């Protein structure tokens, strides 16, 4: 059984988190897919990856 949240701030935080996870799981449109194209990492940042 799920207990209701007593604190309004905590309830608001969980609502925002739920909206964010819904937004992350939604399918992307064509413009977002093109914007998310893979890019090369600058050589100066390679040590940070490994």
C-alpha atoms as a PDB file:
ATOM      1  CA  UNK A   1       0.000   0.000   0.000  1.00  0.00           C
ATOM      2  CA  UNK A   2       1.295   3.462  -0.903  1.00  0.00           C
ATOM      3  CA  UNK A   3       1.169   6.063   1.847  1.00  0.00           C
ATOM      4  CA  UNK A   4       0.177   9.629   0.903  1.00  0.00           C
ATOM      5  CA  UNK A   5       2.933  12.202   1.206  1.00  0.00           C
ATOM      6  CA  UNK A   6       2.452  14.546   4.132  1.00  0.00           C
ATOM      7  CA  UNK A   7       4.782  17.363   3.073  1.00  0.00           C
ATOM      8  CA  UNK A   8       3.519  19.487   0.144  1.00  0.00           C
ATOM      9  CA  UNK A   9       7.098  20.175  -1.028  1.00  0.00           C
ATOM     10  CA  UNK A  10       7.838  16.456  -1.194  1.00  0.00           C
ATOM     11  CA  UNK A  11       4.608  15.831  -3.114  1.00  0.00           C
ATOM     12  CA  UNK A  12       5.535  18.612  -5.561  1.00  0.00           C
ATOM     13  CA  UNK A  13       9.018  17.132  -6.002  1.00  0.00           C
ATOM     14  CA  UNK A  14       7.586  13.701  -6.820  1.00  0.00           C
ATOM     15  CA  UNK A  15       5.113  15.219  -9.281  1.00  0.00           C
ATOM     16  CA  UNK A  16       7.933  17.076 -11.054  1.00  0.00           C
ATOM     17  CA  UNK A  17      10.028  13.906 -11.144  1.00  0.00           C
ATOM     18  CA  UNK A  18       7.114  11.950 -12.629  1.00  0.00           C
ATOM     19  CA  UNK A  19       6.588  14.593 -15.334  1.00  0.00           C
ATOM     20  CA  UNK A  20      10.313  14.566 -16.156  1.00  0.00           C
ATOM     21  CA  UNK A  21      10.451  10.774 -16.482  1.00  0.00           C
ATOM     22  CA  UNK A  22       7.351  10.848 -18.713  1.00  0.00           C
ATOM     23  CA  UNK A  23       9.039  13.505 -20.862  1.00  0.00           C
ATOM     24  CA  UNK A  24      12.249  11.424 -21.100  1.00  0.00           C
ATOM     25  CA  UNK A  25      10.331   8.305 -22.175  1.00  0.00           C
ATOM     26  CA  UNK A  26       8.250   9.976 -24.885  1.00  0.00           C
ATOM     27  CA  UNK A  27       9.135   9.305 -28.528  1.00  0.00           C
ATOM     28  CA  UNK A  28      11.266  11.979 -30.195  1.00  0.00           C
ATOM     29  CA  UNK A  29      10.138  13.843 -33.277  1.00  0.00           C
ATOM     30  CA  UNK A  30      12.245  14.165 -36.437  1.00  0.00           C
ATOM     31  CA  UNK A  31      13.724  17.555 -35.480  1.00  0.00           C
ATOM     32  CA  UNK A  32      14.963  16.233 -32.122  1.00  0.00           C
ATOM     33  CA  UNK A  33      16.493  13.167 -33.746  1.00  0.00           C
ATOM     34  CA  UNK A  34      18.447  15.334 -36.197  1.00  0.00           C
ATOM     35  CA  UNK A  35      19.578  17.651 -33.374  1.00  0.00           C
ATOM     36  CA  UNK A  36      20.858  14.667 -31.350  1.00  0.00           C
ATOM     37  CA  UNK A  37      23.335  13.552 -33.986  1.00  0.00           C
ATOM     38  CA  UNK A  38      26.592  12.140 -32.666  1.00  0.00           C
ATOM     39  CA  UNK A  39      29.577  14.450 -32.564  1.00  0.00           C
ATOM     40  CA  UNK A  40      33.284  13.805 -32.150  1.00  0.00           C
ATOM     41  CA  UNK A  41      34.857  14.550 -28.777  1.00  0.00           C
ATOM     42  CA  UNK A  42      37.805  16.974 -28.792  1.00  0.00           C
ATOM     43  CA  UNK A  43      41.138  15.233 -28.161  1.00  0.00           C
ATOM     44  CA  UNK A  44      41.710  17.370 -25.064  1.00  0.00           C
ATOM     45  CA  UNK A  45      38.668  15.769 -23.402  1.00  0.00           C
ATOM     46  CA  UNK A  46      39.515  12.140 -24.177  1.00  0.00           C
ATOM     47  CA  UNK A  47      41.340  11.473 -20.877  1.00  0.00           C
ATOM     48  CA  UNK A  48      38.153  12.470 -19.034  1.00  0.00           C
ATOM     49  CA  UNK A  49      36.270   9.632 -20.753  1.00  0.00           C
ATOM     50  CA  UNK A  50      38.694   6.851 -19.858  1.00  0.00           C
END
